[in-house]
Amino acid sequence: MAPNGAGRAGPPEAPGRLPRSDATSRIVVKKPQVRTLLVGLVSFCFAAVLMAAPANPQIQNLTATASGGKVGVRFMLTGVFTDGEMIEALQSGLPTSFTYEVEIFRDRPNWFDDDIAAARIEVICTFNSVTREYLLNYRRDRRLVRSETFTDLAALERAMTSIEEPGFFDIGGRKPYKLKVRVKADLMRGWLMYVIPWEVSTKWREARVHVAEPVARPAS
């Protein structure tokens, strides 16, 4: 007789089960590299923004003129419609806006500037693909000043980039020659991939306030 346990076969393996030597081994599954994917997506979006940005938008021809205790400003935004990208953004139908930040302050060399007042001008354009018209809203400190409709693209460009605001700031009895005005523009074209704001900003431009020349009265 065979010894106890000798020659006996083990219990049959259940159907569908792996052999014990394989069942005890671990199956390693690699997790997706979420961080790498996010970095790649952000890098792609950043590169797309840089490629779509205007060549070199700048504030030019800034003047500030004092008259009757008020200061008017005039300036232009250049380098926006030179490469065709902005026109494509306008005609995409997404709202396209330029925001001008305007500040007046007393210049104090070797010390902090004395801020007097600040204002915001917004020009927001929306294209109607049915009527082929551009609706332009002009806002001052979030208040609607006027709305205009354009069919001529050149006229629209001038309205969005040429700003003239007479009597913009009230300076009271301050001496105009001690004051300066600075302006910068934020160009908001819409949303990149409908998620990331598509925005470009200019550098600040400064100009000293000048007193308006007195109007000569005709001799009687």
Protein backbone atom coordinates (compact mmCIF):
# COMPACT_ATOMS: atom_id res chain seq x y z
CA MET A 1 0.00 0.00 0.00
CA ALA A 2 1.23 3.39 -0.80
CA PRO A 3 2.20 5.69 2.06
CA ASN A 4 -0.33 8.18 3.31
CA GLY A 5 -0.64 11.04 0.84
CA ALA A 6 1.68 9.35 -1.63
CA GLY A 7 0.37 8.99 -5.13
CA ARG A 8 -2.78 11.00 -4.43
CA ALA A 9 -3.69 13.60 -6.99
CA GLY A 10 -4.61 17.07 -5.80
CA PRO A 11 -8.10 18.50 -6.22
CA PRO A 12 -8.91 19.31 -9.82
CA GLU A 13 -8.47 22.90 -10.87
CA ALA A 14 -11.71 24.80 -11.29
CA PRO A 15 -12.52 25.53 -14.93
CA GLY A 16 -11.41 28.99 -16.08
CA ARG A 17 -8.94 29.50 -13.22
CA LEU A 18 -5.29 30.21 -13.85
CA PRO A 19 -2.70 27.82 -12.56
CA ARG A 20 -1.61 28.64 -9.07
CA SER A 21 1.87 29.69 -10.19
CA ASP A 22 0.34 32.21 -12.62
CA ALA A 23 -2.48 33.36 -10.35
CA THR A 24 -0.06 34.42 -7.68
CA SER A 25 1.90 36.63 -10.09
CA ARG A 26 0.87 40.25 -10.19
CA ILE A 27 -0.29 41.99 -13.33
CA VAL A 28 1.27 45.45 -13.55
CA VAL A 29 -0.81 48.06 -15.40
CA LYS A 30 0.84 51.35 -16.22
CA LYS A 31 -1.24 54.39 -15.38
CA PRO A 32 -1.49 57.14 -17.98
CA GLN A 33 0.89 60.02 -17.40
CA VAL A 34 -1.74 62.64 -16.59
CA ARG A 35 0.82 65.29 -15.70
CA THR A 36 2.61 64.85 -19.02
CA LEU A 37 -0.65 65.18 -20.92
CA LEU A 38 -1.59 68.36 -19.07
CA VAL A 39 1.81 69.93 -19.65
CA GLY A 40 1.57 69.09 -23.33
CA LEU A 41 -1.90 70.60 -23.62
CA VAL A 42 -0.90 73.82 -21.87
CA SER A 43 2.22 74.11 -24.03
CA PHE A 44 0.15 73.66 -27.18
CA CYS A 45 -2.36 76.34 -26.13
CA PHE A 46 0.42 78.75 -25.19
CA ALA A 47 2.13 78.24 -28.55
CA ALA A 48 -1.17 78.79 -30.36
CA VAL A 49 -1.69 82.06 -28.52
CA LEU A 50 1.80 83.27 -29.42
CA MET A 51 1.31 82.36 -33.07
CA ALA A 52 -2.04 84.15 -33.17
CA ALA A 53 -0.88 87.29 -31.41
CA PRO A 54 -0.58 90.54 -33.32
CA ALA A 55 2.91 91.39 -34.54
CA ASN A 56 3.60 94.29 -32.18
CA PRO A 57 0.58 96.25 -30.91
CA GLN A 58 1.52 99.65 -29.46
CA ILE A 59 -0.06 102.83 -28.13
CA GLN A 60 1.06 105.71 -30.33
CA ASN A 61 0.49 109.47 -30.69
CA LEU A 62 -0.62 109.92 -27.08
CA THR A 63 -1.43 113.51 -26.17
CA ALA A 64 -3.00 114.99 -23.04
CA THR A 65 -4.32 118.54 -23.10
CA ALA A 66 -5.58 120.58 -20.14
CA SER A 67 -8.29 123.19 -20.50
CA GLY A 68 -10.72 124.64 -17.96
CA GLY A 69 -9.70 122.32 -15.13
CA LYS A 70 -10.10 119.17 -17.26
CA VAL A 71 -7.70 117.00 -19.24
CA GLY A 72 -8.58 115.43 -22.57
CA VAL A 73 -6.69 112.50 -24.08
CA ARG A 74 -6.07 111.30 -27.61
CA PHE A 75 -4.15 108.25 -28.82
CA MET A 76 -4.02 105.44 -31.37
CA LEU A 77 -3.50 101.68 -31.16
CA THR A 78 -1.25 100.42 -33.96
CA GLY A 79 0.01 97.05 -35.17
CA VAL A 80 -3.30 95.24 -34.68
CA PHE A 81 -4.80 94.70 -38.14
CA THR A 82 -1.52 94.28 -40.03
CA ASP A 83 -1.34 90.48 -40.31
CA GLY A 84 -4.97 89.53 -41.00
CA GLU A 85 -5.31 87.44 -37.84
CA MET A 86 -7.45 90.06 -36.10
CA ILE A 87 -9.79 90.30 -39.09
CA GLU A 88 -10.26 86.54 -39.03
CA ALA A 89 -11.03 86.74 -35.31
CA LEU A 90 -13.58 89.49 -35.97
CA GLN A 91 -15.31 87.52 -38.70
CA SER A 92 -15.44 84.35 -36.62
CA GLY A 93 -18.49 85.75 -34.83
CA LEU A 94 -16.94 85.72 -31.36
CA PRO A 95 -16.98 89.07 -29.50
CA THR A 96 -13.67 90.87 -29.96
CA SER A 97 -12.81 93.66 -27.54
CA PHE A 98 -10.08 96.21 -26.90
CA THR A 99 -9.81 97.60 -23.37
CA TYR A 100 -7.87 100.81 -22.82
CA GLU A 101 -6.64 101.56 -19.31
CA VAL A 102 -6.07 105.31 -18.89
CA GLU A 103 -4.52 106.86 -15.78
CA ILE A 104 -3.56 110.39 -14.76
CA PHE A 105 -1.02 111.01 -12.03
CA ARG A 106 1.39 113.57 -10.63
CA ASP A 107 4.92 112.72 -11.53
CA ARG A 108 7.25 112.78 -8.52
CA PRO A 109 10.86 111.98 -9.47
CA ASN A 110 12.71 109.70 -7.05
CA TRP A 111 9.46 108.96 -5.22
CA PHE A 112 6.13 107.19 -5.70
CA ASP A 113 3.77 108.73 -8.25
CA ASP A 114 0.65 110.42 -6.89
CA ASP A 115 -2.29 108.70 -8.58
CA ILE A 116 -5.17 111.06 -9.29
CA ALA A 117 -7.72 109.15 -11.35
CA ALA A 118 -8.13 106.15 -13.64
CA ALA A 119 -10.68 105.19 -16.27
CA ARG A 120 -11.40 102.31 -18.62
CA ILE A 121 -12.53 102.50 -22.22
CA GLU A 122 -13.90 99.37 -23.90
CA VAL A 123 -14.69 98.85 -27.57
CA ILE A 124 -16.47 95.55 -28.20
CA CYS A 125 -17.19 94.32 -31.72
CA THR A 126 -19.53 91.51 -32.78
CA PHE A 127 -19.92 90.35 -36.38
CA ASN A 128 -23.35 89.39 -37.76
CA SER A 129 -22.73 86.77 -40.45
CA VAL A 130 -26.29 87.10 -41.78
CA THR A 131 -26.34 90.86 -42.36
CA ARG A 132 -22.53 91.09 -42.82
CA GLU A 133 -22.46 93.99 -40.36
CA TYR A 134 -20.22 94.80 -37.41
CA LEU A 135 -21.84 96.04 -34.21
CA LEU A 136 -19.48 98.17 -32.11
CA ASN A 137 -20.28 99.08 -28.50
CA TYR A 138 -18.23 101.87 -26.91
CA ARG A 139 -18.15 101.82 -23.10
CA ARG A 140 -16.61 104.12 -20.54
CA ASP A 141 -16.14 102.59 -17.08
CA ARG A 142 -18.58 99.80 -18.01
CA ARG A 143 -21.29 102.26 -19.04
CA LEU A 144 -22.47 102.18 -22.62
CA VAL A 145 -21.70 105.46 -24.35
CA ARG A 146 -22.76 104.63 -27.89
CA SER A 147 -23.43 101.78 -30.32
CA GLU A 148 -22.56 101.91 -34.00
CA THR A 149 -23.02 99.58 -36.97
CA PHE A 150 -20.34 99.28 -39.66
CA THR A 151 -20.20 97.63 -43.04
CA ASP A 152 -16.85 99.15 -44.02
CA LEU A 153 -13.97 97.33 -42.35
CA ALA A 154 -11.56 100.27 -42.61
CA ALA A 155 -14.02 102.54 -40.78
CA LEU A 156 -14.45 99.88 -38.09
CA GLU A 157 -10.69 99.63 -37.59
CA ARG A 158 -10.43 103.40 -37.10
CA ALA A 159 -13.29 103.38 -34.60
CA MET A 160 -11.65 100.61 -32.57
CA THR A 161 -8.11 102.01 -32.58
CA SER A 162 -8.43 105.83 -32.64
CA ILE A 163 -9.57 107.21 -29.29
CA GLU A 164 -10.34 110.84 -28.51
CA GLU A 165 -11.85 111.83 -25.16
CA PRO A 166 -12.09 115.60 -24.52
CA GLY A 167 -12.45 116.62 -20.88
CA PHE A 168 -11.75 113.07 -19.76
CA PHE A 169 -10.31 113.83 -16.31
CA ASP A 170 -11.20 116.54 -13.80
CA ILE A 171 -8.00 117.90 -12.24
CA GLY A 172 -9.52 120.81 -10.30
CA GLY A 173 -6.89 123.36 -9.33
CA ARG A 174 -3.86 121.11 -9.92
CA LYS A 175 -1.10 122.48 -12.09
CA PRO A 176 -1.23 120.67 -15.46
CA TYR A 177 2.51 120.76 -16.15
CA LYS A 178 3.12 118.53 -13.12
CA LEU A 179 0.77 115.83 -14.40
CA LYS A 180 1.22 112.88 -16.72
CA VAL A 181 -1.14 110.46 -18.46
CA ARG A 182 -0.40 106.81 -19.23
CA VAL A 183 -2.31 104.35 -21.40
CA LYS A 184 -2.15 100.66 -22.20
CA ALA A 185 -4.42 98.34 -24.20
CA ASP A 186 -5.63 94.80 -23.55
CA LEU A 187 -6.70 93.03 -26.74
CA MET A 188 -9.33 90.40 -26.06
CA ARG A 189 -10.26 88.48 -29.20
CA GLY A 190 -12.43 85.74 -27.76
CA TRP A 191 -11.69 82.27 -26.36
CA LEU A 192 -9.01 79.91 -27.58
CA MET A 193 -10.55 76.43 -27.96
CA TYR A 194 -13.57 77.94 -26.14
CA VAL A 195 -11.68 77.52 -22.85
CA ILE A 196 -8.70 79.88 -22.60
CA PRO A 197 -9.07 83.66 -22.98
CA TRP A 198 -7.21 84.93 -26.03
CA GLU A 199 -5.65 88.18 -24.88
CA VAL A 200 -2.63 90.34 -25.67
CA SER A 201 -1.53 93.49 -23.84
CA THR A 202 0.59 96.45 -24.90
CA LYS A 203 3.17 98.26 -22.84
CA TRP A 204 2.28 101.45 -21.00
CA ARG A 205 2.75 104.70 -22.91
CA GLU A 206 3.20 107.98 -21.01
CA ALA A 207 2.82 111.63 -21.99
CA ARG A 208 3.03 114.86 -20.03
CA VAL A 209 -0.06 117.06 -19.82
CA HIS A 210 0.12 120.25 -21.84
CA VAL A 211 -2.02 123.35 -21.54
CA ALA A 212 -4.23 124.03 -24.52
CA GLU A 213 -3.27 127.02 -26.63
CA PRO A 214 -5.70 129.89 -26.18
CA VAL A 215 -7.96 130.40 -29.16
CA ALA A 216 -7.23 133.70 -30.82
CA ARG A 217 -10.30 135.85 -31.26
CA PRO A 218 -10.71 137.62 -34.55
CA ALA A 219 -10.09 141.34 -34.37
CA SER A 220 -13.28 143.36 -34.39
